[in-house]
N, C-alpha and C. Protein backbone atom coordinates (compact mmCIF):
# COMPACT_ATOMS: atom_id res chain seq x y z
N MET A 1 0.89 -1.03 -0.03
CA MET A 1 0.05 0.05 0.03
C MET A 1 0.75 1.26 -0.13
N TYR A 2 0.41 2.30 -0.54
CA TYR A 2 1.26 3.59 -0.75
C TYR A 2 1.24 4.23 0.58
N THR A 3 2.30 4.57 1.13
CA THR A 3 2.47 5.11 2.41
C THR A 3 2.72 6.66 2.38
N GLY A 4 3.02 7.27 1.21
CA GLY A 4 3.21 8.72 0.97
C GLY A 4 4.72 9.05 1.12
N THR A 5 5.54 8.17 1.23
CA THR A 5 6.93 8.43 1.24
C THR A 5 7.72 8.40 -0.16
N LEU A 6 7.03 8.32 -1.05
CA LEU A 6 7.71 8.11 -2.29
C LEU A 6 8.46 9.46 -2.72
N ILE A 7 7.88 10.71 -2.41
CA ILE A 7 8.46 11.89 -2.82
C ILE A 7 9.64 12.20 -1.94
N GLU A 8 9.47 11.83 -0.70
CA GLU A 8 10.46 12.06 0.33
C GLU A 8 11.74 11.17 0.06
N ARG A 9 11.44 9.94 -0.23
CA ARG A 9 12.55 9.06 -0.80
C ARG A 9 13.25 9.57 -2.01
N LEU A 10 12.38 10.14 -2.95
CA LEU A 10 13.06 10.70 -4.23
C LEU A 10 13.94 11.91 -3.88
N PHE A 11 13.33 12.64 -3.05
CA PHE A 11 14.23 13.84 -2.61
C PHE A 11 15.42 13.54 -1.92
N ALA A 12 15.29 12.52 -1.08
CA ALA A 12 16.68 12.12 -0.34
C ALA A 12 17.63 11.52 -1.44
N THR A 13 17.11 10.82 -2.39
CA THR A 13 17.94 10.16 -3.48
C THR A 13 18.78 11.39 -4.22
N VAL A 14 17.86 12.39 -4.57
CA VAL A 14 18.38 13.60 -5.25
C VAL A 14 19.54 14.30 -4.45
N GLU A 15 19.18 14.48 -3.25
CA GLU A 15 20.11 15.30 -2.25
C GLU A 15 21.40 14.33 -2.15
N ARG A 16 21.41 12.96 -2.08
CA ARG A 16 22.66 12.09 -2.01
C ARG A 16 23.37 12.34 -3.11
N ALA A 17 22.74 12.37 -4.41
CA ALA A 17 23.48 12.38 -5.77
C ALA A 17 24.07 13.94 -5.75
N GLU A 18 23.52 14.89 -5.31
CA GLU A 18 24.12 16.21 -5.61
C GLU A 18 25.32 16.23 -4.55
N GLN A 19 25.11 15.80 -3.28
CA GLN A 19 26.26 15.60 -2.41
C GLN A 19 27.46 14.99 -3.01
N GLU A 20 27.27 13.96 -3.65
CA GLU A 20 28.35 13.25 -4.18
C GLU A 20 29.12 13.96 -5.48
N VAL A 21 28.43 14.74 -6.13
CA VAL A 21 28.71 15.75 -7.28
C VAL A 21 29.58 16.72 -6.48
N HIS A 22 29.14 17.34 -5.51
CA HIS A 22 30.05 18.45 -4.90
C HIS A 22 31.39 17.81 -4.47
N GLU A 23 31.32 16.77 -3.75
CA GLU A 23 32.40 16.03 -3.39
C GLU A 23 33.44 15.83 -4.53
N LEU A 24 32.94 15.51 -5.68
CA LEU A 24 33.93 15.15 -6.79
C LEU A 24 34.49 16.52 -7.20
N THR A 25 33.53 17.53 -7.12
CA THR A 25 34.14 19.00 -7.60
C THR A 25 35.26 19.29 -6.76
N ASP A 26 35.13 19.02 -5.49
CA ASP A 26 36.18 19.54 -4.52
C ASP A 26 37.48 18.80 -4.81
N SER A 27 37.36 17.51 -4.87
CA SER A 27 38.50 16.73 -5.41
C SER A 27 39.10 17.10 -6.62
N GLN A 28 38.44 17.34 -7.69
CA GLN A 28 38.87 18.05 -8.86
C GLN A 28 39.60 19.18 -8.66
N LYS A 29 39.04 20.28 -7.78
CA LYS A 29 39.67 21.52 -7.59
C LYS A 29 41.26 21.24 -6.95
N GLN A 30 41.20 20.26 -6.01
CA GLN A 30 42.31 20.19 -5.36
C GLN A 30 43.35 19.66 -6.40
N ARG A 31 42.99 18.73 -7.42
CA ARG A 31 43.92 18.22 -8.26
C ARG A 31 44.21 19.29 -9.40
N LEU A 32 43.34 20.11 -9.74
CA LEU A 32 43.81 21.29 -10.57
C LEU A 32 44.72 22.28 -9.90
N ASN A 33 44.51 22.59 -8.70
CA ASN A 33 45.48 23.42 -8.05
C ASN A 33 46.81 22.74 -7.85
N TYR A 34 46.96 21.61 -7.68
CA TYR A 34 48.34 20.75 -7.60
C TYR A 34 48.94 21.03 -9.22
N TRP A 35 48.20 20.74 -10.18
CA TRP A 35 48.68 20.64 -11.43
C TRP A 35 48.99 21.99 -11.99
N TYR A 36 48.19 23.01 -11.44
CA TYR A 36 48.49 24.38 -11.91
C TYR A 36 49.87 24.81 -11.17
N ALA A 37 50.29 24.52 -10.01
CA ALA A 37 51.34 24.72 -9.33
C ALA A 37 52.57 23.99 -10.19
N VAL A 38 52.44 22.86 -10.53
CA VAL A 38 53.39 21.98 -11.32
C VAL A 38 53.73 22.83 -12.46
N ALA A 39 52.61 23.15 -13.29
CA ALA A 39 52.78 23.99 -14.47
C ALA A 39 53.68 25.22 -14.21
N GLN A 40 53.42 25.89 -13.30
CA GLN A 40 53.87 27.35 -12.91
C GLN A 40 55.55 27.03 -12.71
N ARG A 41 55.71 25.91 -11.93
CA ARG A 41 57.24 25.59 -11.77
C ARG A 41 57.94 25.13 -13.29
N GLU A 42 57.31 24.41 -13.97
CA GLU A 42 57.85 23.98 -15.29
C GLU A 42 57.97 25.19 -16.17
N LEU A 43 57.18 26.29 -16.15
CA LEU A 43 57.37 27.47 -16.84
C LEU A 43 58.33 28.19 -16.54
N ALA A 44 58.60 28.36 -15.12
CA ALA A 44 59.79 29.07 -14.62
C ALA A 44 61.14 28.47 -15.02
N GLN A 45 61.14 27.05 -15.08
CA GLN A 45 62.25 26.39 -15.37
C GLN A 45 62.63 26.75 -16.82
N LEU A 46 61.53 26.70 -17.77
CA LEU A 46 61.76 26.97 -19.24
C LEU A 46 62.37 28.32 -19.41
N ASP A 47 61.79 29.41 -18.65
CA ASP A 47 62.22 30.66 -18.79
C ASP A 47 63.80 30.75 -18.27
N ALA A 48 64.11 30.01 -17.30
CA ALA A 48 65.56 30.06 -16.94
C ALA A 48 66.36 29.49 -17.93
N LEU A 49 65.92 28.41 -18.44
CA LEU A 49 66.61 27.62 -19.52
C LEU A 49 66.86 28.59 -20.81
N ALA A 50 65.83 29.23 -21.17
CA ALA A 50 65.77 30.17 -22.44
C ALA A 50 66.76 31.43 -22.14
N GLU A 51 66.88 31.85 -20.91
CA GLU A 51 67.71 32.92 -20.60
C GLU A 51 69.16 32.33 -20.88
N VAL A 52 69.66 31.14 -20.34
CA VAL A 52 70.85 30.56 -20.50
C VAL A 52 71.32 30.43 -22.07
N ALA A 53 70.40 29.98 -22.79
CA ALA A 53 70.55 29.77 -24.27
C ALA A 53 70.84 30.94 -24.99
């Protein structure tokens, strides 16, 4: 028999899915920050090599 919880369960499912998306986004931001710092160091090294040559 229908108990009236279908909508509540649907909302809870959507909220869990949204939370997982936000967590992935935070993880991706951390990885992007790391690789941005690596790229900056690489560019600085290239500039130093270009000045020597």
